[in-house]
N, C-alpha and C. Protein backbone atom coordinates (compact mmCIF):
# COMPACT_ATOMS: atom_id res chain seq x y z
N UNK A 1 239.91 146.02 63.23
CA UNK A 1 239.55 147.30 64.27
C UNK A 1 240.52 148.14 63.95
N UNK A 2 241.65 147.97 63.37
CA UNK A 2 242.59 148.64 62.98
C UNK A 2 242.73 149.27 61.73
N UNK A 3 242.05 148.59 61.02
CA UNK A 3 241.96 149.06 59.15
C UNK A 3 240.66 149.97 59.69
N UNK A 4 239.30 149.54 60.17
CA UNK A 4 238.48 150.43 60.09
C UNK A 4 239.06 151.83 60.77
N UNK A 5 239.85 151.76 62.08
CA UNK A 5 239.75 152.99 62.11
C UNK A 5 241.07 153.75 61.23
N UNK A 6 241.64 153.39 60.49
CA UNK A 6 242.37 153.73 59.58
C UNK A 6 240.94 154.65 58.50
N UNK A 7 240.13 153.80 58.16
CA UNK A 7 239.51 154.17 57.24
C UNK A 7 238.62 155.30 57.61
N UNK A 8 238.07 155.22 58.92
CA UNK A 8 237.50 156.85 59.51
C UNK A 8 238.20 157.64 59.74
N UNK A 9 239.56 157.67 59.58
CA UNK A 9 240.27 158.82 59.73
C UNK A 9 240.65 159.61 58.09
N UNK A 10 240.91 158.59 57.21
CA UNK A 10 240.61 158.68 55.72
C UNK A 10 239.89 159.56 55.17
N UNK A 11 238.65 159.09 55.91
CA UNK A 11 236.89 159.48 55.78
C UNK A 11 237.10 161.48 56.01
N UNK A 12 237.10 161.29 57.09
CA UNK A 12 237.53 162.71 57.54
C UNK A 12 238.59 163.66 56.92
N UNK A 13 239.70 163.37 56.40
CA UNK A 13 240.26 163.81 55.53
C UNK A 13 239.72 164.01 54.33
N UNK A 14 238.83 163.38 53.71
CA UNK A 14 238.04 163.47 52.37
C UNK A 14 237.07 163.96 52.41
N UNK A 15 236.44 164.29 53.49
CA UNK A 15 235.05 165.54 53.70
C UNK A 15 235.03 166.77 53.97
N UNK A 16 236.60 166.39 54.85
CA UNK A 16 236.38 167.66 55.73
C UNK A 16 237.49 168.80 55.31
N UNK A 17 237.75 170.05 54.52
CA UNK A 17 238.68 170.65 54.25
C UNK A 17 239.48 171.22 55.45
N UNK A 18 239.27 171.36 56.46
CA UNK A 18 239.62 171.72 57.66
C UNK A 18 240.42 170.90 58.44
N UNK A 19 240.33 169.48 58.10
CA UNK A 19 241.07 168.55 58.24
C UNK A 19 242.77 168.74 57.79
N UNK A 20 243.98 169.50 58.82
CA UNK A 20 245.15 169.87 58.48
C UNK A 20 246.40 168.20 58.49
N UNK A 21 246.41 167.67 59.89
CA UNK A 21 247.36 166.88 60.17
C UNK A 21 246.49 165.44 60.70
N UNK A 22 247.14 163.99 60.65
CA UNK A 22 247.03 163.55 61.65
C UNK A 22 246.23 163.65 63.09
N UNK A 23 247.54 163.84 63.76
CA UNK A 23 246.86 164.16 65.20
C UNK A 23 246.25 165.27 65.67
N UNK A 24 245.90 166.53 64.53
CA UNK A 24 244.69 167.64 64.90
C UNK A 24 243.25 166.37 64.44
N UNK A 25 243.27 165.21 63.77
CA UNK A 25 242.11 164.42 63.70
C UNK A 25 242.03 163.61 64.94
N UNK A 26 243.22 163.29 65.41
CA UNK A 26 243.28 162.39 66.40
C UNK A 26 242.31 162.83 67.25
N UNK A 27 242.88 164.22 67.92
CA UNK A 27 242.77 164.90 69.39
C UNK A 27 241.36 165.60 69.24
N UNK A 28 240.91 165.93 68.02
CA UNK A 28 240.17 167.27 67.97
C UNK A 28 238.92 167.13 67.11
N UNK A 29 238.66 165.56 66.65
CA UNK A 29 237.28 165.36 66.06
C UNK A 29 236.27 164.59 66.85
N UNK A 30 235.16 165.57 67.36
CA UNK A 30 234.24 164.49 68.15
C UNK A 30 233.64 163.61 67.50
N UNK A 31 233.47 163.76 66.52
CA UNK A 31 232.71 162.72 65.68
C UNK A 31 233.01 161.27 65.63
N UNK A 32 234.88 161.32 65.05
CA UNK A 32 235.74 160.20 65.50
C UNK A 32 235.66 159.49 66.76
N UNK A 33 235.90 160.38 67.77
CA UNK A 33 235.71 159.64 69.23
C UNK A 33 234.30 159.11 69.71
N UNK A 34 233.16 159.59 68.93
CA UNK A 34 231.91 159.10 69.09
C UNK A 34 231.80 157.92 68.71
N UNK A 35 232.51 157.67 67.58
CA UNK A 35 232.34 156.14 66.73
C UNK A 35 233.32 155.29 67.44
N UNK A 36 234.40 155.57 68.21
CA UNK A 36 234.97 154.58 68.77
C UNK A 36 234.45 154.01 69.86
N UNK A 37 233.72 155.06 70.60
CA UNK A 37 233.14 154.76 72.11
C UNK A 37 231.77 154.21 71.61
N UNK A 38 231.35 154.28 70.27
CA UNK A 38 230.30 153.31 69.84
C UNK A 38 230.61 152.64 69.63
N UNK A 39 231.37 151.73 68.91
CA UNK A 39 231.98 150.66 68.65
C UNK A 39 232.36 149.62 70.02
N UNK A 40 232.95 150.57 70.64
CA UNK A 40 233.14 149.48 72.43
C UNK A 40 231.76 149.00 72.91
N UNK A 41 230.94 149.98 72.76
CA UNK A 41 229.62 150.23 73.31
C UNK A 41 228.89 149.11 73.05
N UNK A 42 228.53 149.16 71.15
CA UNK A 42 228.37 148.33 70.68
C UNK A 42 227.83 147.14 70.73
N UNK A 43 229.76 146.56 70.94
CA UNK A 43 230.35 144.89 71.35
C UNK A 43 230.07 144.39 72.42
N UNK A 44 229.73 145.58 73.60
CA UNK A 44 229.31 145.07 74.65
C UNK A 44 227.44 144.93 74.80
N UNK A 45 227.09 145.69 73.86
CA UNK A 45 225.64 145.75 73.70
C UNK A 45 225.22 144.31 73.27
N UNK A 46 225.99 143.37 72.41
CA UNK A 46 225.78 142.66 71.57
C UNK A 46 225.85 141.30 72.48
N UNK A 47 226.45 141.85 73.86
CA UNK A 47 226.58 140.44 74.40
C UNK A 47 225.73 140.47 75.33
N UNK A 48 224.69 141.31 75.33
CA UNK A 48 223.71 141.34 76.30
C UNK A 48 224.10 141.69 77.42
N UNK A 49 225.00 142.73 77.47
CA UNK A 49 225.23 143.71 78.51
C UNK A 49 224.23 144.88 78.59
N UNK A 50 224.11 145.45 79.73
CA UNK A 50 222.68 146.63 79.64
C UNK A 50 223.61 147.64 80.51
N UNK A 51 223.78 147.51 81.43
CA UNK A 51 224.15 149.08 82.05
C UNK A 51 225.61 149.71 81.54
N UNK A 52 226.51 148.80 81.56
CA UNK A 52 228.22 148.95 80.98
C UNK A 52 227.93 149.96 79.30
N UNK A 53 227.16 149.11 78.44
CA UNK A 53 227.31 149.89 77.12
C UNK A 53 226.44 151.30 77.12
N UNK A 54 225.13 151.45 78.40
CA UNK A 54 224.58 152.84 78.05
C UNK A 54 225.74 153.58 78.87
N UNK A 55 226.42 153.41 80.32
CA UNK A 55 227.34 154.25 80.86
C UNK A 55 228.38 154.72 80.05
N UNK A 56 228.66 153.64 78.75
CA UNK A 56 230.06 154.20 77.96
C UNK A 56 229.29 155.13 76.88
N UNK A 57 228.15 155.20 76.45
CA UNK A 57 227.45 155.70 75.61
C UNK A 57 226.99 157.25 76.36
N UNK A 58 226.97 157.54 77.47
CA UNK A 58 226.30 158.51 78.13
C UNK A 58 228.13 159.32 78.71
N UNK A 59 228.68 158.85 78.92
CA UNK A 59 230.26 159.32 79.14
C UNK A 59 230.53 160.06 77.37
N UNK A 60 230.30 159.43 76.50
CA UNK A 60 230.78 159.97 74.98
C UNK A 60 229.64 160.87 75.14
N UNK A 61 228.85 160.83 75.30
CA UNK A 61 227.73 161.76 74.81
C UNK A 61 228.46 163.22 76.36
N UNK A 62 228.88 162.98 76.64
CA UNK A 62 229.24 164.14 77.50
C UNK A 62 230.96 164.91 77.08
N UNK A 63 231.51 163.90 76.57
CA UNK A 63 232.49 164.53 75.92
C UNK A 63 232.45 165.29 74.72
N UNK A 64 231.44 164.38 73.91
CA UNK A 64 231.29 164.73 72.42
C UNK A 64 230.31 165.44 71.92
N UNK A 65 229.20 165.28 73.09
CA UNK A 65 228.03 165.75 72.53
C UNK A 65 227.13 165.53 71.58
N UNK A 66 227.62 164.06 71.22
CA UNK A 66 226.93 163.08 70.35
C UNK A 66 226.26 161.90 71.10
N UNK A 67 225.45 161.80 70.95
CA UNK A 67 224.42 160.62 71.37
C UNK A 67 224.06 159.60 70.69
N UNK A 68 224.64 157.96 70.46
CA UNK A 68 224.28 157.55 69.73
C UNK A 68 224.62 155.86 70.86
N UNK A 69 223.01 155.64 70.46
CA UNK A 69 222.54 154.78 71.73
C UNK A 69 223.32 153.47 71.67
N UNK A 70 223.81 152.52 72.26
CA UNK A 70 224.65 151.32 72.16
C UNK A 70 224.17 150.29 71.01
N UNK A 71 222.86 150.50 70.75
CA UNK A 71 222.17 149.17 70.26
C UNK A 71 222.05 149.39 68.71
N UNK A 72 222.87 151.20 68.07
CA UNK A 72 222.17 151.30 66.54
C UNK A 72 223.49 150.52 66.38
N UNK A 73 223.21 150.20 64.55
CA UNK A 73 223.98 149.50 63.74
C UNK A 73 224.50 151.15 62.92
N UNK A 74 225.95 150.93 62.98
CA UNK A 74 226.42 151.90 62.06
C UNK A 74 227.50 151.21 60.93
N UNK A 75 227.40 151.75 59.72
CA UNK A 75 228.22 151.34 58.85
C UNK A 75 229.40 151.42 58.66
N UNK A 76 230.30 151.84 57.48
CA UNK A 76 232.02 151.89 57.45
C UNK A 76 231.60 153.43 57.09
N UNK A 77 232.79 154.20 57.22
CA UNK A 77 232.53 155.25 56.53
C UNK A 77 231.76 156.79 56.87
N UNK A 78 231.01 156.33 58.00
CA UNK A 78 230.42 157.38 58.45
C UNK A 78 231.11 158.60 59.07
N UNK A 79 230.78 159.83 58.59
CA UNK A 79 231.58 161.03 59.05
C UNK A 79 230.38 162.04 59.74
N UNK A 80 231.03 162.15 61.45
CA UNK A 80 229.92 163.11 61.58
C UNK A 80 230.66 164.64 61.92
N UNK A 81 230.17 165.30 61.40
CA UNK A 81 230.76 166.86 61.14
C UNK A 81 230.45 167.66 62.18
N UNK A 82 231.51 168.16 63.08
CA UNK A 82 231.15 168.80 64.52
C UNK A 82 230.47 168.11 65.51
N UNK A 83 228.75 168.07 65.14
CA UNK A 83 228.31 166.60 65.58
C UNK A 83 227.43 167.36 66.64
N UNK A 84 227.84 168.47 67.62
CA UNK A 84 226.39 168.89 68.67
C UNK A 84 225.36 168.55 68.35
N UNK A 85 224.98 168.10 69.52
CA UNK A 85 223.69 167.48 69.08
C UNK A 85 222.76 166.52 68.17
N UNK A 86 223.98 165.91 68.11
CA UNK A 86 223.64 164.52 67.14
C UNK A 86 222.84 163.57 67.99
N UNK A 87 221.79 163.17 67.54
CA UNK A 87 221.14 161.83 68.19
C UNK A 87 220.94 160.52 67.30
N UNK A 88 221.10 159.35 67.63
CA UNK A 88 220.55 158.22 66.59
C UNK A 88 220.22 157.26 67.91
N UNK A 89 219.44 156.58 67.50
CA UNK A 89 218.22 155.93 68.44
C UNK A 89 218.83 154.29 68.19
N UNK A 90 218.25 153.53 69.09
CA UNK A 90 218.53 152.38 69.39
C UNK A 90 218.66 151.50 68.28
N UNK A 91 217.71 151.84 67.53
CA UNK A 91 217.33 150.82 66.64
C UNK A 91 217.43 151.35 65.37
N UNK A 92 218.24 151.78 65.00
CA UNK A 92 218.12 152.85 64.15
C UNK A 92 219.55 152.11 63.43
N UNK A 93 219.75 152.52 61.48
CA UNK A 93 220.45 151.84 61.25
C UNK A 93 221.54 152.50 59.89
N UNK A 94 222.41 152.80 60.23
CA UNK A 94 223.16 153.87 59.04
C UNK A 94 223.98 152.76 58.42
N UNK A 95 224.01 153.24 57.13
CA UNK A 95 224.59 152.25 56.09
C UNK A 95 226.64 152.73 55.62
N UNK A 96 226.90 152.50 54.93
CA UNK A 96 228.06 153.27 54.55
C UNK A 96 228.04 154.49 53.92
N UNK A 97 229.57 155.47 54.02
CA UNK A 97 229.45 156.34 53.40
C UNK A 97 228.98 157.59 53.83
N UNK A 98 228.19 157.45 54.97
CA UNK A 98 226.98 158.51 55.23
C UNK A 98 227.70 159.45 56.18
N UNK A 99 226.75 160.71 55.09
CA UNK A 99 227.58 162.15 56.48
C UNK A 99 226.77 162.87 57.22
N UNK A 100 226.65 163.52 58.20
CA UNK A 100 226.21 163.59 59.19
C UNK A 100 226.71 165.34 59.94
N UNK A 101 225.69 165.99 59.83
CA UNK A 101 226.00 167.32 60.19
C UNK A 101 225.47 167.40 61.58
N UNK A 102 225.91 168.63 62.26
CA UNK A 102 225.69 169.22 63.54
C UNK A 102 223.88 168.72 63.93
N UNK A 103 223.11 168.79 64.99
CA UNK A 103 221.78 168.90 64.97
C UNK A 103 221.13 167.52 64.66
N UNK A 104 221.38 166.41 63.83
CA UNK A 104 220.54 165.49 63.54
C UNK A 104 220.32 164.65 63.88
N UNK A 105 218.79 164.13 64.18
CA UNK A 105 218.45 163.38 64.98
C UNK A 105 217.54 162.06 64.11
N UNK A 106 218.23 161.08 64.41
CA UNK A 106 217.53 159.89 63.68
C UNK A 106 216.74 159.35 64.79
N UNK A 107 215.35 159.70 64.87
CA UNK A 107 214.77 159.27 66.56
C UNK A 107 213.57 158.94 66.16
N UNK A 108 213.16 158.04 67.15
CA UNK A 108 211.69 157.84 66.74
C UNK A 108 210.49 158.55 67.08
N UNK A 109 209.09 157.74 67.18
CA UNK A 109 208.13 158.97 67.08
C UNK A 109 207.00 158.85 68.45
N UNK A 110 207.63 157.94 68.95
CA UNK A 110 206.33 157.56 70.67
C UNK A 110 207.04 156.49 71.23
N UNK A 111 206.38 156.00 71.68
CA UNK A 111 206.86 154.71 72.33
C UNK A 111 206.18 153.57 72.08
N UNK A 112 206.30 153.16 70.78
CA UNK A 112 206.54 151.72 70.22
C UNK A 112 207.30 151.69 70.38
N UNK A 113 207.64 149.67 70.66
CA UNK A 113 208.33 149.04 70.37
C UNK A 113 209.09 148.55 69.55
N UNK A 114 209.86 147.45 69.30
CA UNK A 114 210.93 146.73 68.62
C UNK A 114 211.46 148.05 67.59
N UNK A 115 211.17 147.59 66.00
CA UNK A 115 212.16 148.66 65.36
C UNK A 115 211.25 150.16 65.44
N UNK A 116 212.08 151.06 65.56
CA UNK A 116 210.97 152.53 65.59
C UNK A 116 212.37 153.53 65.22
N UNK A 117 213.36 153.41 64.95
CA UNK A 117 214.05 154.40 64.38
C UNK A 117 214.19 154.30 62.61
N UNK A 118 214.64 155.28 61.88
CA UNK A 118 215.18 154.78 60.76
C UNK A 118 216.29 154.36 60.44
N UNK A 119 215.95 153.68 59.35
CA UNK A 119 217.28 152.52 58.31
C UNK A 119 217.68 153.64 57.21
N UNK A 120 218.71 154.37 57.52
CA UNK A 120 219.77 155.22 56.32
C UNK A 120 220.46 154.28 55.30
N UNK A 121 220.86 154.32 54.65
CA UNK A 121 220.77 153.54 52.98
C UNK A 121 222.06 154.51 52.77
N UNK A 122 223.12 153.49 51.92
CA UNK A 122 224.70 154.05 51.36
C UNK A 122 224.44 155.40 51.16
N UNK A 123 225.84 156.13 51.10
CA UNK A 123 226.05 157.72 50.56
C UNK A 123 224.75 158.49 50.42
N UNK A 124 224.74 158.60 52.10
CA UNK A 124 223.20 159.75 52.13
C UNK A 124 224.36 160.67 53.08
N UNK A 125 223.74 161.94 52.64
CA UNK A 125 223.88 163.04 53.09
C UNK A 125 222.39 163.94 54.30
N UNK A 126 222.65 163.51 55.38
CA UNK A 126 221.82 164.74 56.22
C UNK A 126 221.98 165.57 56.69
N UNK A 127 221.31 166.43 56.35
CA UNK A 127 222.22 168.20 56.72
C UNK A 127 221.75 168.81 58.06
N UNK A 128 222.53 169.90 58.40
CA UNK A 128 222.23 170.39 59.45
C UNK A 128 221.08 170.50 60.25
N UNK A 129 220.78 170.19 61.62
CA UNK A 129 219.53 170.02 61.97
C UNK A 129 218.35 169.20 61.30
N UNK A 130 218.37 168.28 61.04
CA UNK A 130 217.50 167.34 59.91
C UNK A 130 216.82 166.53 61.29
N UNK A 131 215.71 166.44 61.15
CA UNK A 131 215.52 165.01 62.12
C UNK A 131 214.48 164.26 60.91
N UNK A 132 214.66 162.45 61.11
CA UNK A 132 214.78 161.79 60.34
C UNK A 132 214.25 160.91 61.19
N UNK A 133 212.69 160.97 61.69
CA UNK A 133 211.72 160.00 62.69
C UNK A 133 211.18 158.79 62.55
N UNK A 134 210.84 157.91 63.33
CA UNK A 134 209.98 156.50 62.73
C UNK A 134 211.14 155.50 61.97
N UNK A 135 210.24 154.37 61.91
CA UNK A 135 210.90 153.48 61.36
C UNK A 135 210.34 153.81 59.66
N UNK A 136 211.42 154.43 59.12
CA UNK A 136 211.53 154.68 57.80
C UNK A 136 212.87 154.38 57.33
N UNK A 137 212.53 154.33 56.15
CA UNK A 137 214.04 154.28 55.02
C UNK A 137 214.42 154.98 54.35
N UNK A 138 215.74 155.78 54.72
CA UNK A 138 216.48 156.86 53.69
C UNK A 138 217.06 155.91 52.42
N UNK A 139 216.82 156.07 51.26
CA UNK A 139 217.35 155.44 50.28
C UNK A 139 219.14 155.86 49.78
N UNK A 140 219.34 154.91 48.68
CA UNK A 140 220.98 155.34 49.01
C UNK A 140 221.02 156.48 48.05
N UNK A 141 222.09 157.05 48.33
CA UNK A 141 222.38 158.23 47.90
C UNK A 141 221.52 159.34 47.95
N UNK A 142 220.58 159.65 48.64
CA UNK A 142 219.36 160.87 48.96
C UNK A 142 220.36 161.72 49.32
N UNK A 143 219.85 162.90 49.77
CA UNK A 143 220.43 164.26 50.76
C UNK A 143 219.18 164.83 51.11
N UNK A 144 219.28 165.21 52.22
CA UNK A 144 218.16 165.86 53.35
C UNK A 144 218.44 167.21 53.60
N UNK A 145 217.91 167.82 53.17
CA UNK A 145 218.09 169.50 53.49
C UNK A 145 217.89 169.51 54.92
N UNK A 146 218.59 170.83 55.59
CA UNK A 146 218.78 171.13 56.70
C UNK A 146 217.45 171.97 56.84
N UNK A 147 216.97 171.50 58.25
CA UNK A 147 216.20 172.01 58.75
C UNK A 147 214.74 170.95 58.56
N UNK A 148 215.08 169.87 57.60
CA UNK A 148 213.88 169.32 57.42
C UNK A 148 213.29 168.31 58.36
N UNK A 149 212.21 168.45 58.32
CA UNK A 149 211.57 166.76 59.10
C UNK A 149 211.21 165.76 58.31
N UNK A 150 211.76 165.01 58.51
CA UNK A 150 211.44 163.60 57.53
C UNK A 150 210.66 162.53 58.31
N UNK A 151 209.31 162.17 57.84
CA UNK A 151 208.19 160.94 58.58
C UNK A 151 207.93 159.99 57.75
N UNK A 152 208.34 160.23 56.41
CA UNK A 152 208.44 158.65 55.51
C UNK A 152 209.38 158.68 54.76
N UNK A 153 209.33 157.22 54.09
CA UNK A 153 210.68 156.37 53.27
C UNK A 153 210.82 157.71 52.23
N UNK A 154 212.20 157.99 51.84
CA UNK A 154 212.32 158.66 51.22
C UNK A 154 213.57 157.64 50.05
N UNK A 155 213.06 157.50 48.64
CA UNK A 155 213.56 156.98 48.03
C UNK A 155 214.71 157.58 47.53
N UNK A 156 215.35 156.25 46.93
CA UNK A 156 217.25 156.52 46.90
C UNK A 156 217.30 157.86 45.45
N UNK A 157 218.38 158.05 45.01
CA UNK A 157 218.80 159.27 44.73
C UNK A 157 217.51 160.57 44.32
N UNK A 158 217.27 160.80 45.39
CA UNK A 158 216.37 161.96 45.71
C UNK A 158 217.07 163.13 46.72
N UNK A 159 216.59 164.11 46.67
CA UNK A 159 216.51 165.11 47.44
C UNK A 159 215.23 165.73 48.32
N UNK A 160 215.62 165.44 49.70
CA UNK A 160 214.37 165.75 50.26
C UNK A 160 214.35 167.38 51.14
N UNK A 161 213.72 168.45 51.05
CA UNK A 161 213.77 169.76 51.62
C UNK A 161 212.19 169.87 52.80
N UNK A 162 212.48 170.39 53.78
CA UNK A 162 211.03 171.07 54.04
C UNK A 162 210.52 170.33 55.04
N UNK A 163 209.25 171.20 55.89
CA UNK A 163 208.64 170.58 57.24
C UNK A 163 207.29 170.82 56.57
N UNK A 164 206.76 169.73 56.31
CA UNK A 164 207.23 168.07 56.72
C UNK A 164 207.92 167.99 55.47
N UNK A 165 209.37 166.92 54.81
CA UNK A 165 209.95 166.86 54.20
C UNK A 165 209.26 166.60 53.09
N UNK A 166 209.48 167.02 51.50
CA UNK A 166 209.19 166.91 49.91
C UNK A 166 210.22 166.76 49.75
N UNK A 167 209.73 165.84 48.65
CA UNK A 167 210.92 165.31 47.58
C UNK A 167 211.02 166.34 46.36
N UNK A 168 212.28 167.15 46.22
CA UNK A 168 212.24 168.48 45.15
C UNK A 168 213.30 167.57 44.48
N UNK A 169 213.88 166.89 44.37
CA UNK A 169 214.83 166.37 43.33
C UNK A 169 215.04 164.83 43.23
N UNK A 170 214.37 163.99 42.02
CA UNK A 170 214.40 163.03 42.11
C UNK A 170 215.42 162.27 40.30
N UNK A 171 216.54 161.25 41.08
CA UNK A 171 217.67 161.10 39.58
C UNK A 171 217.85 162.50 39.28
N UNK A 172 218.27 163.63 40.05
CA UNK A 172 219.32 164.74 39.19
C UNK A 172 218.05 165.46 38.36
N UNK A 173 216.90 165.55 38.48
CA UNK A 173 215.75 166.53 38.04
C UNK A 173 214.86 167.37 39.12
N UNK A 174 214.51 168.61 38.94
CA UNK A 174 214.17 168.98 39.83
C UNK A 174 212.68 169.00 40.10
N UNK A 175 211.58 169.10 40.59
CA UNK A 175 210.26 168.42 40.17
C UNK A 175 209.97 169.99 39.71
N UNK A 176 210.39 170.80 39.23
CA UNK A 176 209.50 172.07 38.51
C UNK A 176 210.43 171.66 37.04
N UNK A 177 211.09 170.62 36.71
CA UNK A 177 211.66 170.23 35.41
C UNK A 177 212.83 171.30 35.02
N UNK A 178 213.45 171.76 36.29
CA UNK A 178 214.85 172.18 35.90
C UNK A 178 215.93 171.52 36.14
N UNK A 179 216.67 171.12 35.13
CA UNK A 179 217.69 170.26 35.34
C UNK A 179 218.94 170.35 36.46
N UNK A 180 219.48 169.79 36.88
CA UNK A 180 220.30 170.26 38.29
C UNK A 180 221.24 169.41 38.52
N UNK A 181 222.39 168.87 38.48
CA UNK A 181 223.55 167.94 38.79
C UNK A 181 223.32 166.77 39.58
N UNK A 182 223.07 165.69 39.14
CA UNK A 182 222.75 164.56 39.81
C UNK A 182 223.90 163.82 40.96
N UNK A 183 224.80 164.71 40.66
CA UNK A 183 225.72 163.79 41.79
C UNK A 183 225.44 164.54 43.13
N UNK A 184 225.22 163.20 44.20
CA UNK A 184 225.07 163.54 45.38
C UNK A 184 226.28 163.66 46.04
N UNK A 185 226.52 165.28 46.53
CA UNK A 185 228.00 165.58 47.38
C UNK A 185 227.30 166.36 48.78
N UNK A 186 228.53 167.09 48.70
CA UNK A 186 227.99 167.55 50.32
C UNK A 186 227.95 169.45 50.41
N UNK A 187 227.58 169.40 48.89
CA UNK A 187 226.91 171.19 49.15
C UNK A 187 225.48 170.83 49.17
N UNK A 188 225.18 170.70 50.96
CA UNK A 188 224.07 170.78 51.16
C UNK A 188 223.11 172.20 51.85
N UNK A 189 224.31 172.89 51.72
CA UNK A 189 223.35 174.72 51.67
C UNK A 189 222.87 175.24 50.60
N UNK A 190 223.28 174.59 48.90
CA UNK A 190 222.74 174.99 48.26
C UNK A 190 221.58 174.28 47.31
N UNK A 191 220.41 173.67 48.19
CA UNK A 191 219.04 172.91 48.17
C UNK A 191 218.08 173.98 47.69
N UNK A 192 216.94 173.03 46.72
CA UNK A 192 216.23 173.85 46.06
C UNK A 192 215.05 174.61 47.44
N UNK A 193 214.25 175.43 47.64
CA UNK A 193 213.48 175.39 47.84
C UNK A 193 212.10 175.53 47.80
N UNK A 194 211.05 174.72 48.31
CA UNK A 194 210.25 174.07 47.93
C UNK A 194 208.68 175.25 47.38
N UNK A 195 209.18 176.14 48.72
CA UNK A 195 207.88 177.28 48.64
C UNK A 195 207.99 178.01 47.42
N UNK A 196 210.03 178.72 47.13
CA UNK A 196 210.18 179.48 46.30
C UNK A 196 209.79 178.95 45.12
N UNK A 197 210.28 177.65 44.53
CA UNK A 197 209.89 176.93 43.45
C UNK A 197 208.21 177.06 43.06
N UNK A 198 207.37 176.87 44.24
CA UNK A 198 206.19 176.72 43.88
C UNK A 198 205.57 178.58 43.54
N UNK A 199 206.12 179.62 44.14
CA UNK A 199 205.68 180.93 43.92
C UNK A 199 206.06 181.15 41.95
N UNK A 200 207.23 180.58 42.26
CA UNK A 200 208.04 180.87 40.74
C UNK A 200 207.08 180.10 39.49
N UNK A 201 206.68 179.11 39.85
CA UNK A 201 205.93 178.51 39.35
C UNK A 201 204.53 179.03 38.64
N UNK A 202 204.05 179.62 39.72
CA UNK A 202 202.55 180.67 39.78
C UNK A 202 202.92 181.79 38.83
N UNK A 203 204.53 182.23 39.15
CA UNK A 203 204.41 183.45 38.59
C UNK A 203 204.72 183.44 37.20
N UNK A 204 205.15 182.25 36.60
CA UNK A 204 205.47 181.81 34.91
C UNK A 204 204.11 181.80 34.63
N UNK A 205 202.89 181.04 35.23
CA UNK A 205 202.08 180.88 34.90
C UNK A 205 201.02 181.93 34.88
N UNK A 206 200.94 183.03 35.82
CA UNK A 206 200.24 184.08 35.30
C UNK A 206 200.79 184.96 34.28
N UNK A 207 202.01 185.12 34.33
CA UNK A 207 202.97 185.70 32.82
C UNK A 207 202.22 185.23 31.50
N UNK A 208 201.77 183.85 31.42
CA UNK A 208 201.33 183.34 30.28
C UNK A 208 199.92 183.63 30.12
N UNK A 209 199.19 183.59 31.52
CA UNK A 209 197.80 183.95 31.04
C UNK A 209 197.60 185.76 30.72
N UNK A 210 198.63 186.55 31.36
CA UNK A 210 198.30 187.89 30.84
C UNK A 210 198.81 187.48 29.43
N UNK A 211 199.80 186.98 28.78
CA UNK A 211 200.44 187.08 27.59
C UNK A 211 199.00 186.90 26.73
N UNK A 212 198.30 185.75 27.34
CA UNK A 212 197.17 185.23 26.35
C UNK A 212 195.82 186.35 26.32
N UNK A 213 195.87 186.92 27.57
CA UNK A 213 194.59 187.81 27.40
C UNK A 213 195.38 189.11 26.39
N UNK A 214 196.58 189.53 26.85
CA UNK A 214 197.06 190.29 25.74
C UNK A 214 196.83 190.21 24.63
N UNK A 215 196.53 188.87 23.97
CA UNK A 215 196.31 188.64 22.23
C UNK A 215 194.85 188.64 22.36
N UNK A 216 194.64 188.30 23.22
CA UNK A 216 192.77 188.36 22.65
C UNK A 216 192.14 189.50 22.72
N UNK A 217 193.16 190.37 23.87
CA UNK A 217 191.85 191.79 23.11
C UNK A 217 192.66 192.39 22.04
N UNK A 218 194.10 192.45 21.45
CA UNK A 218 194.77 192.70 20.60
C UNK A 218 193.55 192.15 19.06
N UNK A 219 193.23 190.94 19.37
CA UNK A 219 192.44 190.24 18.11
C UNK A 219 191.04 191.21 18.34
N UNK A 220 190.59 191.35 19.26
CA UNK A 220 189.22 191.88 19.77
C UNK A 220 189.04 193.59 19.07
N UNK A 221 190.43 194.12 19.12
CA UNK A 221 190.34 195.50 18.15
C UNK A 221 190.26 195.58 16.91
């Protein structure tokens, strides 16, 4: 438990340049506090207790603004940045070294029973305000763009943006065949816009057609 706590602190220093000191992290990072409360509530949940784990999770939500159901399975190295409005459902599974920004929901889509929340792989980044809903899987090294709504499985090594979420990068290659950096990092502010990409493609096609028409007209003269 102590080693896991030390890793949680190390992860914050690795991923948040605003982290200045050990005591600042201990006292001022709600994501860390929410994880500690969750580990206690999850332990009690596995002991088949019902009310006490929920009370702990609700107390944690009151203090941190982060709601993690006691039944959720959380891997090592989770970093919840800021965290206000983050919701993680009962049957959600989160892998190792995942980064979640504020306003993210790992939720269900209705009143179905059983597994009804997402399974998130390792080394995933889920950006601000993204909603990942239903019993779907987010593959390893994936990145979910800010404000996206994801309702279907996301393959590993891809980037998804939009409503509904669309794959715009696969294995480091943009869907418009423009090469991009293949490393999944924390720069979630610089993701492709699929609508803008489509408009650019149309503009390029129109330009090519205009040049062809000009050549045909010149040949007829």
